[in-house]
Amino acid sequence: MRARRLFLFVALLLGSSGGVVLRAEEKKSAAPPEPPKPLVTMPLGVIAGRTNTLVLRGLRVKEATNVVLDGWSRPLPVVVRKREDAKPPDGLPAARAGDQQLEIEVFVPAAAVGATSLAWKVSGTNGVGTLNGIPVLSAEEWIEAREPNGGFSEAQTLKVGQTVRGTLEKTGDVDVFRLEVAVGARLHAEIRASRIGSTLDAILTLYDEHGSLLASNDDALDQDPALDHTVSTAGPLFVVVTYANEKASKTHGYLLRVEAVK
């Protein structure tokens, strides 16, 4: 009997000791507070020479004490107009699309158009979070995608050298753009989306006026598509932007640019 009591006493001590160790390990492994983490800008990019109104989604961004657009000759101050919780779009985790958002305004001087890219810097009590690669768009070379533009007959006109800013936010959404280019012209078409924070996994396709496929690409630049084509026949070309999965979202923004290659 005494041996049994001794065994139970030792077991109790071991159990208590184990519990103390576990609590210490739990306390030791507790994650430290993290800074705000900006993830997605809606819409993508900023336009030089004007005040831009945008939505900046991320994690813990409601805690922001200061926001700037950095990377030019001086940080550009950002005005926060609204802070709110924002449920992630269907099928997208908060770690990718954020669960909070800020409505912000920032004036970008016209002289900043030469900057290749800027960065959102969101400060909080626990540090600073950064979202790099924010492009500065020229007001003269930029257009907004307009709806409807879902087919050849509704295609929006796009000129070589322009950048179009759009979003595939509805299921089945397709954006189509019409190009008029001379025979012999060499073209490079490229989408910036995933590389600058968008949740879009885009597909870029080029057709002739008869609907014949001329070129298509999915992931030439990480998850962003790009393609090259030399025009061999007269007639308009149609550039089509779609997504590689079945998910559509307001965070599926893109920038499409078509350039002439010498």
Protein backbone atom coordinates (compact mmCIF):
# COMPACT_ATOMS: atom_id res chain seq x y z
CA MET A 1 0.00 0.00 0.00
CA ARG A 2 2.84 2.37 0.93
CA ALA A 3 4.53 1.61 -2.39
CA ARG A 4 1.28 2.40 -4.26
CA ARG A 5 0.93 5.73 -2.41
CA LEU A 6 4.54 6.59 -3.21
CA PHE A 7 3.90 5.80 -6.87
CA LEU A 8 0.80 8.03 -6.97
CA PHE A 9 2.71 10.83 -5.22
CA VAL A 10 5.54 10.65 -7.75
CA ALA A 11 3.04 10.55 -10.64
CA LEU A 12 1.31 13.62 -9.22
CA LEU A 13 4.62 15.45 -8.97
CA LEU A 14 5.54 14.52 -12.50
CA GLY A 15 2.15 15.65 -13.77
CA SER A 16 2.41 18.95 -11.93
CA SER A 17 5.96 19.47 -13.13
CA GLY A 18 4.98 18.66 -16.68
CA GLY A 19 2.17 21.19 -16.47
CA VAL A 20 4.54 23.89 -15.26
CA VAL A 21 6.95 23.14 -18.09
CA LEU A 22 4.14 23.22 -20.63
CA ARG A 23 2.91 26.60 -19.41
CA ALA A 24 6.45 27.94 -19.56
CA GLU A 25 6.85 26.66 -23.11
CA GLU A 26 3.51 28.19 -24.07
CA LYS A 27 4.55 31.51 -22.58
CA LYS A 28 7.93 31.32 -24.29
CA SER A 29 6.41 30.53 -27.71
CA ALA A 30 3.87 33.37 -27.64
CA ALA A 31 4.35 35.43 -30.81
CA PRO A 32 5.48 39.03 -30.28
CA PRO A 33 3.17 41.84 -31.46
CA GLU A 34 3.49 42.43 -35.20
CA PRO A 35 3.44 45.69 -37.19
CA PRO A 36 0.77 46.55 -39.78
CA LYS A 37 1.16 44.55 -42.99
CA PRO A 38 -0.14 46.25 -46.17
CA LEU A 39 -0.95 43.70 -48.88
CA VAL A 40 -3.16 45.02 -51.68
CA THR A 41 -3.88 48.43 -53.23
CA MET A 42 -7.20 49.04 -54.98
CA PRO A 43 -6.89 50.18 -57.69
CA LEU A 44 -3.27 49.45 -58.57
CA GLY A 45 -0.73 52.21 -59.01
CA VAL A 46 -0.90 55.96 -58.50
CA ILE A 47 -1.29 58.66 -61.14
CA ALA A 48 1.16 61.54 -61.20
CA GLY A 49 -0.10 65.11 -61.02
CA ARG A 50 -3.27 64.44 -59.07
CA THR A 51 -4.78 63.38 -55.75
CA ASN A 52 -5.33 59.63 -55.74
CA THR A 53 -8.08 58.02 -53.68
CA LEU A 54 -7.39 54.36 -52.97
CA VAL A 55 -8.11 51.47 -50.63
CA LEU A 56 -5.16 49.82 -48.91
CA ARG A 57 -5.94 46.34 -47.57
CA GLY A 58 -3.83 44.32 -45.19
CA LEU A 59 -3.40 42.89 -41.72
CA ARG A 60 -3.50 45.15 -38.65
CA VAL A 61 -3.66 48.26 -40.85
CA LYS A 62 -6.41 49.81 -38.71
CA GLU A 63 -3.69 50.33 -36.09
CA ALA A 64 -1.78 52.66 -38.41
CA THR A 65 -0.40 55.78 -36.74
CA ASN A 66 1.16 57.12 -39.94
CA VAL A 67 1.14 56.23 -43.65
CA VAL A 68 3.46 57.55 -46.36
CA LEU A 69 4.21 56.77 -49.99
CA ASP A 70 7.99 56.47 -50.03
CA GLY A 71 10.69 56.05 -52.65
CA TRP A 72 10.62 59.41 -54.45
CA SER A 73 12.81 62.41 -53.54
CA ARG A 74 10.75 62.77 -50.36
CA PRO A 75 8.06 60.69 -48.62
CA LEU A 76 4.58 61.70 -49.75
CA PRO A 77 2.11 62.17 -46.87
CA VAL A 78 -1.04 60.06 -46.93
CA VAL A 79 -4.39 61.10 -45.44
CA VAL A 80 -6.39 58.24 -43.90
CA ARG A 81 -10.09 58.90 -44.43
CA LYS A 82 -11.53 55.66 -43.05
CA ARG A 83 -10.46 52.55 -41.12
CA GLU A 84 -12.56 49.41 -41.13
CA ASP A 85 -12.64 45.64 -40.92
CA ALA A 86 -12.92 44.04 -44.35
CA LYS A 87 -13.75 40.35 -44.77
CA PRO A 88 -11.39 38.63 -47.24
CA PRO A 89 -12.97 37.96 -50.65
CA ASP A 90 -14.39 34.46 -51.11
CA GLY A 91 -11.70 31.86 -51.58
CA LEU A 92 -8.83 34.12 -50.53
CA PRO A 93 -7.10 33.87 -47.14
CA ALA A 94 -6.62 36.95 -44.98
CA ALA A 95 -2.86 36.43 -45.27
CA ARG A 96 -3.17 37.14 -49.00
CA ALA A 97 -5.98 39.70 -49.26
CA GLY A 98 -6.09 41.20 -45.77
CA ASP A 99 -8.92 41.48 -43.27
CA GLN A 100 -8.78 45.24 -42.65
CA GLN A 101 -8.58 48.24 -44.94
CA LEU A 102 -7.82 51.95 -45.03
CA GLU A 103 -9.41 54.46 -47.37
CA ILE A 104 -6.60 56.85 -48.21
CA GLU A 105 -5.74 59.92 -50.26
CA VAL A 106 -2.31 60.91 -51.54
CA PHE A 107 -1.21 63.67 -53.89
CA VAL A 108 1.54 62.55 -56.28
CA PRO A 109 3.46 65.40 -57.96
CA ALA A 110 3.72 65.32 -61.74
CA ALA A 111 7.51 65.20 -61.43
CA ALA A 112 7.25 61.79 -59.74
CA VAL A 113 6.27 60.11 -63.01
CA GLY A 114 9.91 59.22 -63.60
CA ALA A 115 9.99 57.05 -60.48
CA THR A 116 9.98 53.37 -61.37
CA SER A 117 8.07 52.35 -58.26
CA LEU A 118 7.24 53.59 -54.78
CA ALA A 119 6.32 51.87 -51.52
CA TRP A 120 3.52 52.18 -48.99
CA LYS A 121 4.95 52.41 -45.47
CA VAL A 122 2.41 51.89 -42.72
CA SER A 123 3.63 52.67 -39.19
CA GLY A 124 2.07 51.29 -36.02
CA THR A 125 3.00 51.00 -32.37
CA ASN A 126 4.76 47.68 -33.12
CA GLY A 127 6.78 48.76 -36.15
CA VAL A 128 6.49 49.56 -39.84
CA GLY A 129 5.01 47.42 -42.62
CA THR A 130 5.95 47.98 -46.28
CA LEU A 131 4.36 47.17 -49.64
CA ASN A 132 6.88 47.71 -52.45
CA GLY A 133 6.55 48.08 -56.20
CA ILE A 134 3.81 50.73 -56.40
CA PRO A 135 4.00 52.09 -59.98
CA VAL A 136 3.62 55.76 -60.86
CA LEU A 137 1.44 56.18 -63.96
CA SER A 138 1.64 59.07 -66.40
CA ALA A 139 -1.68 60.88 -66.82
CA GLU A 140 -0.98 61.16 -70.58
CA GLU A 141 -0.33 57.43 -71.07
CA TRP A 142 -2.89 55.97 -68.67
CA ILE A 143 -6.52 54.92 -69.25
CA GLU A 144 -9.08 53.20 -67.04
CA ALA A 145 -10.72 49.99 -68.22
CA ARG A 146 -14.43 50.53 -68.79
CA GLU A 147 -17.34 48.11 -68.90
CA PRO A 148 -18.77 46.52 -70.93
CA ASN A 149 -15.66 45.29 -72.72
CA GLY A 150 -16.20 41.54 -72.60
CA GLY A 151 -16.08 40.71 -76.32
CA PHE A 152 -14.67 41.76 -79.69
CA SER A 153 -17.72 43.89 -80.47
CA GLU A 154 -17.40 45.72 -77.13
CA ALA A 155 -13.60 45.93 -77.07
CA GLN A 156 -12.10 49.10 -75.62
CA THR A 157 -9.59 50.90 -77.82
CA LEU A 158 -6.02 50.75 -76.55
CA LYS A 159 -3.10 52.52 -78.20
CA VAL A 160 0.46 51.26 -78.27
CA GLY A 161 2.34 52.97 -75.44
CA GLN A 162 -0.69 53.28 -73.16
CA THR A 163 -1.23 51.59 -69.80
CA VAL A 164 -4.73 50.43 -68.94
CA ARG A 165 -5.77 49.88 -65.32
CA GLY A 166 -8.51 47.34 -64.73
CA THR A 167 -10.01 44.81 -62.33
CA LEU A 168 -11.54 41.36 -62.88
CA GLU A 169 -13.97 41.53 -59.99
CA LYS A 170 -16.92 39.41 -61.21
CA THR A 171 -17.08 35.71 -61.97
CA GLY A 172 -16.58 35.17 -65.69
CA ASP A 173 -15.20 38.67 -66.18
CA VAL A 174 -13.10 39.16 -69.33
CA ASP A 175 -11.54 42.43 -70.51
CA VAL A 176 -10.93 42.88 -74.24
CA PHE A 177 -8.91 45.67 -75.87
CA ARG A 178 -8.60 46.56 -79.56
CA LEU A 179 -5.28 47.55 -81.15
CA GLU A 180 -4.68 49.08 -84.57
CA VAL A 181 -1.11 48.29 -85.56
CA ALA A 182 0.73 48.35 -88.88
CA VAL A 183 1.98 45.18 -90.54
CA GLY A 184 5.55 44.43 -89.49
CA ALA A 185 5.24 46.05 -86.07
CA ARG A 186 6.80 44.14 -83.19
CA LEU A 187 4.81 44.27 -79.96
CA HIS A 188 5.46 43.45 -76.35
CA ALA A 189 2.42 43.12 -74.05
CA GLU A 190 2.79 42.69 -70.30
CA ILE A 191 0.61 42.62 -67.21
CA ARG A 192 1.67 43.79 -63.77
CA ALA A 193 -0.55 42.34 -61.08
CA SER A 194 0.78 39.69 -58.72
CA ARG A 195 4.23 41.33 -58.63
CA ILE A 196 2.76 44.52 -57.16
CA GLY A 197 0.34 43.02 -54.64
CA SER A 198 -2.74 42.07 -56.69
CA THR A 199 -4.37 38.71 -55.98
CA LEU A 200 -4.94 38.19 -59.72
CA ASP A 201 -3.31 35.26 -61.53
CA ALA A 202 -3.82 36.63 -65.04
CA ILE A 203 -3.77 35.09 -68.51
CA LEU A 204 -2.93 37.31 -71.49
CA THR A 205 -4.07 36.30 -75.00
CA LEU A 206 -3.78 37.91 -78.43
CA TYR A 207 -6.27 37.28 -81.29
CA ASP A 208 -6.71 38.56 -84.81
CA GLU A 209 -10.01 40.03 -86.02
CA HIS A 210 -11.23 36.57 -87.10
CA GLY A 211 -10.79 35.10 -83.64
CA SER A 212 -7.64 33.13 -84.48
CA LEU A 213 -5.25 32.70 -81.59
CA LEU A 214 -1.94 34.48 -82.20
CA ALA A 215 -0.23 34.22 -78.81
CA SER A 216 -1.03 33.43 -75.18
CA ASN A 217 0.83 33.40 -71.88
CA ASP A 218 0.16 32.71 -68.22
CA ASP A 219 3.22 32.97 -65.97
CA ALA A 220 6.14 34.58 -67.80
CA LEU A 221 7.01 36.92 -64.92
CA ASP A 222 6.27 35.01 -61.73
CA GLN A 223 2.45 34.81 -61.89
CA ASP A 224 2.19 37.70 -64.37
CA PRO A 225 1.90 37.07 -68.13
CA ALA A 226 3.84 38.69 -70.98
CA LEU A 227 4.02 37.99 -74.69
CA ASP A 228 5.74 39.18 -77.87
CA HIS A 229 4.26 39.25 -81.37
CA THR A 230 5.20 40.48 -84.82
CA VAL A 231 2.19 41.66 -86.83
CA SER A 232 2.04 39.77 -90.13
CA THR A 233 -1.41 40.64 -91.50
CA ALA A 234 -3.49 43.82 -91.73
CA GLY A 235 -6.45 44.34 -89.45
CA PRO A 236 -7.11 45.01 -85.76
CA LEU A 237 -5.71 42.88 -82.96
CA PHE A 238 -7.52 42.00 -79.75
CA VAL A 239 -5.76 41.71 -76.40
CA VAL A 240 -7.74 39.67 -73.85
CA VAL A 241 -7.20 39.62 -70.08
CA THR A 242 -8.68 36.72 -68.09
CA TYR A 243 -7.81 34.91 -64.88
CA ALA A 244 -6.27 31.46 -64.44
CA ASN A 245 -8.67 30.27 -61.74
CA GLU A 246 -12.37 30.59 -61.02
CA LYS A 247 -11.98 33.25 -58.34
CA ALA A 248 -12.99 36.83 -59.08
CA SER A 249 -12.46 39.67 -56.64
CA LYS A 250 -12.14 43.43 -56.22
CA THR A 251 -8.53 42.68 -55.27
CA HIS A 252 -7.93 41.23 -58.79
CA GLY A 253 -6.49 44.45 -60.21
CA TYR A 254 -4.04 44.64 -63.11
CA LEU A 255 -2.02 47.05 -65.25
CA LEU A 256 -1.73 46.15 -68.94
CA ARG A 257 0.78 47.87 -71.20
CA VAL A 258 1.47 47.27 -74.89
CA GLU A 259 4.71 48.68 -76.31
CA ALA A 260 6.42 48.75 -79.68
CA VAL A 261 9.72 46.87 -79.79
CA LYS A 262 12.49 48.04 -82.12
